[in-house]
Amino acid sequence: MSIASHSIPFGLIVLIFLLVLPASAYAGFRLGHYELRRAPERYAGGKLPGESSLGALLALLGLLVGFTFSATLGWREASVSAVVEEGAALGTAFLRADLLPDGAGRPLQEALLSYARTRITPSGFHATRANVDAVLAQTVAAQALLWPATMAAITPDTPAPVATFVAGGITEVLDAHTRRVAAASKTITSGIWVLLTFAAGSGLFIIGNRAALQGRSMSWRTLVFSLVLAAVLVTIEDLSRATDGFTVVPQVALINAVADMEAALGVEPAPKAQP
C-alpha cells in the first residue's frame, strides 16, 4: 500500500482542461464546416448522422463523471477523517504516557512529539513520488522509535492496568498511521483519466461538428458547456489531491495536537514545515 503521487502540477492540469475541451468543440466545428462545403447535398434537408451516438456518448460521459466524482468525494472525506482520528490518537497516547510513575513517561512523550511533527503535511506540498517517499522515510524513522520508547517507559514496577492503558494508546497511534496511508493511497488511475478526457473531448467534438453541419455558427452555449465540463473535471482532480489543489485536507487536528504536546513539555515550537 503506497500513498498516491501526482507527477503533473495541479495548475497545469487546470490549464490542460480549459484548453483541450473548448479546442475539441472548435475542432469538430471546423471539420463539420469543411464537410458541409465539400458535400452540401449530403446534409440537405436536415439529414445529420450521429444523433443517437451523441446521446449515448453524453449519457455515458454523465455516468463516468458522476461515479468518479462520487468516488473522489468519498476518498476526500476518508482522508479528512483519518487526519482527525490520528490527531486524537496522538493526543490520547501523549496523555496516557503521563500516567507512568516517576516521570518515566516523558521520553515516550518526547518521542510522540517528534513523530507527530512528521505527520503534518504542509499546504502546497507537491506529492511527487520522490517527495512522498522522502516524507514517508522521515515519518517511518520517527515511528520506529515509538515502541522501543514504550517498552523502556513501562518498567516491571509499572501497574499492569497502567501499562496496558499506555501500550494501547501507542498501538492506536500506529493503527492510525495505517488508516491514514490507506485513505491517502486512493486516487484516479491514469487509465480512468484518459477515458474521461477522451469521452469529454469526443462529446464536445461531435457537438461542434453537428452545429457546423446544420449551417450554424459556433454557439456560446457550446463554449459554456465545455467550460462547465472542464470545471467539473478540475474539481474531481482537486478532490483527489490532499495538499496542492484549490481545497486541501485540513491539518488542524494534528497542528493542535502538536501545539498541546509542545506546551505540556515546555519546548519551543518546531520551525514551520516548508512545502
Protein backbone atom coordinates (compact mmCIF):
# COMPACT_ATOMS: atom_id res chain seq x y z
CA MET A 1 0.00 0.00 0.00
CA SER A 2 1.54 3.33 -1.09
CA ILE A 3 0.47 6.94 -0.83
CA ALA A 4 -0.76 8.24 -4.18
CA SER A 5 1.51 10.65 -6.03
CA HIS A 6 0.77 13.28 -8.68
CA SER A 7 3.56 13.97 -11.14
CA ILE A 8 1.75 16.75 -13.04
CA PRO A 9 1.29 20.07 -11.19
CA PHE A 10 -2.31 20.98 -10.43
CA GLY A 11 -2.09 24.31 -12.27
CA LEU A 12 -1.02 22.52 -15.45
CA ILE A 13 -3.97 20.12 -15.13
CA VAL A 14 -6.36 23.08 -14.91
CA LEU A 15 -4.78 24.70 -17.96
CA ILE A 16 -4.97 21.48 -19.98
CA PHE A 17 -8.68 21.01 -19.34
CA LEU A 18 -9.50 24.66 -20.03
CA LEU A 19 -7.70 24.47 -23.37
CA VAL A 20 -8.36 20.93 -24.59
CA LEU A 21 -12.14 20.77 -24.12
CA PRO A 22 -13.07 24.05 -25.90
CA ALA A 23 -10.49 23.20 -28.57
CA SER A 24 -12.22 19.84 -29.13
CA ALA A 25 -15.52 21.58 -29.79
CA TYR A 26 -13.85 24.04 -32.16
CA ALA A 27 -12.01 21.25 -33.99
CA GLY A 28 -15.30 19.43 -34.51
CA PHE A 29 -16.89 22.66 -35.78
CA ARG A 30 -14.08 23.26 -38.27
CA LEU A 31 -14.29 19.69 -39.56
CA GLY A 32 -18.06 19.95 -39.93
CA HIS A 33 -17.70 23.25 -41.78
CA TYR A 34 -15.25 21.60 -44.18
CA GLU A 35 -17.54 18.60 -44.70
CA LEU A 36 -20.53 20.85 -45.39
CA ARG A 37 -18.66 22.84 -48.04
CA ARG A 38 -17.33 19.68 -49.65
CA ALA A 39 -20.66 17.84 -49.93
CA PRO A 40 -23.62 20.11 -49.09
CA GLU A 41 -26.15 17.77 -50.74
CA ARG A 42 -25.26 15.04 -48.24
CA TYR A 43 -26.67 17.11 -45.38
CA ALA A 44 -29.56 18.74 -47.19
CA GLY A 45 -32.94 18.61 -45.54
CA GLY A 46 -31.55 18.33 -42.05
CA LYS A 47 -30.11 14.85 -42.56
CA LEU A 48 -27.45 14.72 -39.86
CA PRO A 49 -25.75 11.49 -38.79
CA GLY A 50 -24.72 10.63 -35.27
CA GLU A 51 -27.67 11.87 -33.20
CA SER A 52 -28.13 8.53 -31.42
CA SER A 53 -24.41 8.07 -30.85
CA LEU A 54 -24.11 11.61 -29.45
CA GLY A 55 -26.91 10.99 -26.97
CA ALA A 56 -25.39 7.68 -25.92
CA LEU A 57 -21.92 9.24 -25.56
CA LEU A 58 -23.16 12.12 -23.42
CA ALA A 59 -25.14 9.70 -21.25
CA LEU A 60 -22.03 7.55 -20.79
CA LEU A 61 -19.98 10.66 -20.02
CA GLY A 62 -22.50 11.64 -17.35
CA LEU A 63 -22.22 8.21 -15.72
CA LEU A 64 -18.42 8.30 -15.79
CA VAL A 65 -18.25 11.79 -14.32
CA GLY A 66 -20.87 11.01 -11.69
CA PHE A 67 -19.25 7.80 -10.46
CA THR A 68 -15.75 9.31 -10.49
CA PHE A 69 -16.90 12.43 -8.62
CA SER A 70 -18.65 10.28 -6.01
CA ALA A 71 -15.54 8.12 -5.54
CA THR A 72 -13.15 11.06 -5.13
CA LEU A 73 -15.54 12.78 -2.71
CA GLY A 74 -15.60 9.62 -0.59
CA TRP A 75 -11.80 9.43 -0.66
CA ARG A 76 -11.51 13.07 0.43
CA GLU A 77 -13.89 12.51 3.34
CA ALA A 78 -11.91 9.42 4.38
CA SER A 79 -8.66 11.42 4.31
CA VAL A 80 -10.16 14.19 6.44
CA SER A 81 -11.48 11.66 8.97
CA ALA A 82 -8.11 9.87 9.07
CA VAL A 83 -6.30 13.11 9.96
CA VAL A 84 -8.78 13.91 12.73
CA GLU A 85 -8.56 10.38 14.13
CA GLU A 86 -4.76 10.47 14.08
CA GLY A 87 -4.66 13.80 15.89
CA ALA A 88 -6.98 12.41 18.56
CA ALA A 89 -4.93 9.20 18.87
CA LEU A 90 -1.68 11.14 19.30
CA GLY A 91 -3.20 13.38 21.96
CA THR A 92 -4.66 10.42 23.84
CA ALA A 93 -1.38 8.46 23.77
CA PHE A 94 0.50 11.54 24.99
CA LEU A 95 -1.82 11.95 27.97
CA ARG A 96 -1.71 8.26 28.81
CA ALA A 97 2.09 8.36 28.88
CA ASP A 98 1.81 10.97 31.63
CA LEU A 99 0.25 8.30 33.88
CA LEU A 100 3.56 6.45 34.14
CA PRO A 101 5.13 6.94 37.59
CA ASP A 102 8.30 8.87 38.45
CA GLY A 103 8.43 10.78 35.17
CA ALA A 104 9.09 7.60 33.19
CA GLY A 105 6.65 8.73 30.52
CA ARG A 106 8.50 11.90 29.46
CA PRO A 107 10.89 10.18 26.99
CA LEU A 108 7.88 8.47 25.45
CA GLN A 109 6.05 11.81 25.24
CA GLU A 110 9.06 13.37 23.52
CA ALA A 111 9.13 10.50 21.02
CA LEU A 112 5.42 11.04 20.36
CA LEU A 113 6.02 14.75 19.78
CA SER A 114 8.84 14.06 17.34
CA TYR A 115 6.63 11.59 15.48
CA ALA A 116 3.60 13.90 15.47
CA ARG A 117 5.63 16.68 13.87
CA THR A 118 6.39 14.41 10.92
CA ARG A 119 2.69 13.71 10.41
CA ILE A 120 1.80 17.30 9.47
CA THR A 121 1.75 17.77 5.71
CA PRO A 122 2.27 21.43 4.77
CA SER A 123 -0.25 23.06 2.47
CA GLY A 124 1.09 23.30 -1.08
CA PHE A 125 3.14 20.12 -0.76
CA HIS A 126 3.60 18.70 -4.27
CA ALA A 127 3.07 14.96 -3.95
CA THR A 128 5.59 13.68 -6.47
CA ARG A 129 6.87 10.15 -5.90
CA ALA A 130 10.25 11.44 -4.67
CA ASN A 131 8.63 13.90 -2.22
CA VAL A 132 6.18 11.29 -0.91
CA ASP A 133 8.94 8.73 -0.37
CA ALA A 134 11.08 11.30 1.46
CA VAL A 135 8.24 12.22 3.82
CA LEU A 136 7.40 8.57 4.43
CA ALA A 137 11.02 7.76 5.22
CA GLN A 138 11.11 10.57 7.77
CA THR A 139 7.88 9.60 9.47
CA VAL A 140 8.69 5.87 9.50
CA ALA A 141 12.05 6.60 11.12
CA ALA A 142 10.31 8.54 13.89
CA GLN A 143 7.61 5.89 14.18
CA ALA A 144 10.22 3.14 14.67
CA LEU A 145 11.26 4.80 17.95
CA LEU A 146 7.80 4.72 19.49
CA TRP A 147 7.57 1.07 20.54
CA PRO A 148 11.14 0.87 21.96
CA ALA A 149 10.37 4.06 23.92
CA THR A 150 7.17 2.43 25.17
CA MET A 151 9.00 -0.69 26.32
CA ALA A 152 11.63 1.43 28.06
CA ALA A 153 8.99 3.53 29.81
CA ILE A 154 7.00 0.54 31.10
CA THR A 155 9.13 -0.91 33.88
CA PRO A 156 8.43 -4.05 35.92
CA ASP A 157 7.16 -1.77 38.69
CA THR A 158 4.51 -0.22 36.44
CA PRO A 159 1.00 -1.35 37.44
CA ALA A 160 -0.43 -3.71 34.85
CA PRO A 161 -3.57 -1.62 34.14
CA VAL A 162 -1.43 1.48 33.53
CA ALA A 163 0.98 -0.45 31.29
CA THR A 164 -1.92 -1.83 29.26
CA PHE A 165 -3.51 1.61 29.03
CA VAL A 166 -0.31 3.26 27.80
CA ALA A 167 0.57 0.48 25.35
CA GLY A 168 -2.98 0.59 23.95
CA GLY A 169 -2.59 4.29 23.22
CA ILE A 170 0.64 3.69 21.30
CA THR A 171 -0.85 0.86 19.24
CA GLU A 172 -3.77 3.13 18.36
CA VAL A 173 -1.26 5.70 17.07
CA LEU A 174 0.34 3.02 14.91
CA ASP A 175 -3.06 1.88 13.64
CA ALA A 176 -3.98 5.50 12.83
CA HIS A 177 -0.94 5.67 10.56
CA THR A 178 -2.14 2.58 8.68
CA ARG A 179 -5.64 4.01 8.23
CA ARG A 180 -4.29 7.33 7.02
CA VAL A 181 -2.00 5.70 4.48
CA ALA A 182 -4.90 3.56 3.27
CA ALA A 183 -7.03 6.67 2.74
CA ALA A 184 -4.18 8.53 1.01
CA SER A 185 -3.47 5.63 -1.35
CA LYS A 186 -6.77 6.07 -3.21
CA THR A 187 -6.52 8.02 -6.45
CA ILE A 188 -7.85 8.07 -10.01
CA THR A 189 -5.72 5.93 -12.29
CA SER A 190 -4.23 7.32 -15.49
CA GLY A 191 -6.43 4.94 -17.48
CA ILE A 192 -9.59 6.42 -15.97
CA TRP A 193 -8.36 9.94 -16.68
CA VAL A 194 -7.65 9.01 -20.31
CA LEU A 195 -11.16 7.57 -20.62
CA LEU A 196 -12.79 10.63 -19.02
CA THR A 197 -10.83 13.08 -21.14
CA PHE A 198 -11.47 11.10 -24.33
CA ALA A 199 -15.21 10.85 -23.62
CA ALA A 200 -15.50 14.56 -22.80
CA GLY A 201 -13.43 15.63 -25.80
CA SER A 202 -15.34 13.30 -28.14
CA GLY A 203 -18.70 14.58 -26.96
CA LEU A 204 -17.70 18.20 -27.47
CA PHE A 205 -16.16 17.36 -30.84
CA ILE A 206 -19.43 15.84 -32.05
CA ILE A 207 -21.48 18.76 -30.68
CA GLY A 208 -19.31 21.26 -32.57
CA ASN A 209 -19.36 19.09 -35.68
CA ARG A 210 -23.16 18.84 -35.77
CA ALA A 211 -23.51 22.60 -35.28
CA ALA A 212 -21.40 23.21 -38.39
CA LEU A 213 -23.27 20.57 -40.43
CA GLN A 214 -26.52 22.37 -39.58
CA GLY A 215 -25.08 25.54 -41.06
CA ARG A 216 -24.97 27.33 -37.72
CA SER A 217 -22.11 29.32 -36.26
CA MET A 218 -20.19 28.26 -33.17
CA SER A 219 -22.59 28.85 -30.29
CA TRP A 220 -21.59 30.44 -26.98
CA ARG A 221 -23.64 27.68 -25.35
CA THR A 222 -21.14 25.11 -26.58
CA LEU A 223 -18.29 27.15 -25.10
CA VAL A 224 -20.11 27.44 -21.78
CA PHE A 225 -20.79 23.70 -21.73
CA SER A 226 -17.11 22.94 -22.41
CA LEU A 227 -16.01 25.27 -19.61
CA VAL A 228 -18.50 23.79 -17.14
CA LEU A 229 -17.37 20.29 -18.06
CA ALA A 230 -13.74 21.37 -17.62
CA ALA A 231 -14.61 22.82 -14.21
CA VAL A 232 -16.21 19.52 -13.14
CA LEU A 233 -13.13 17.54 -14.21
CA VAL A 234 -10.87 20.03 -12.41
CA THR A 235 -12.99 19.60 -9.28
CA ILE A 236 -12.58 15.82 -9.48
CA GLU A 237 -8.80 16.23 -9.76
CA ASP A 238 -8.86 18.73 -6.91
CA LEU A 239 -10.67 16.29 -4.61
CA SER A 240 -8.12 13.58 -5.40
CA ARG A 241 -5.25 15.81 -4.21
CA ALA A 242 -4.77 16.30 -0.48
CA THR A 243 -2.30 19.19 -0.41
CA ASP A 244 -1.89 21.20 -3.62
CA GLY A 245 -5.31 21.89 -5.09
CA PHE A 246 -7.93 24.57 -4.57
CA THR A 247 -9.10 22.69 -1.48
CA VAL A 248 -6.79 20.71 0.82
CA VAL A 249 -7.22 18.20 3.63
CA PRO A 250 -7.21 20.28 6.85
CA GLN A 251 -4.33 19.57 9.22
CA VAL A 252 -5.86 21.47 12.16
CA ALA A 253 -6.30 18.38 14.35
CA LEU A 254 -2.63 17.43 14.03
CA ILE A 255 -1.39 21.00 14.38
CA ASN A 256 -3.41 21.45 17.59
CA ALA A 257 -2.20 18.10 18.95
CA VAL A 258 1.43 19.08 18.35
CA ALA A 259 0.88 22.51 19.91
CA ASP A 260 -0.64 20.90 23.03
CA MET A 261 2.30 18.49 23.31
CA GLU A 262 4.83 21.30 22.99
CA ALA A 263 3.03 23.35 25.63
CA ALA A 264 2.83 20.38 28.03
CA LEU A 265 6.54 19.59 27.63
CA GLY A 266 7.56 23.24 27.69
CA VAL A 267 9.54 23.04 24.43
CA GLU A 268 9.84 25.55 21.63
CA PRO A 269 7.58 25.03 18.62
CA ALA A 270 9.30 23.44 15.65
CA PRO A 271 10.02 25.63 12.60
CA LYS A 272 7.14 25.72 10.17
CA ALA A 273 7.46 22.96 7.59
CA GLN A 274 8.09 24.03 4.01
CA PRO A 275 6.02 22.60 1.11
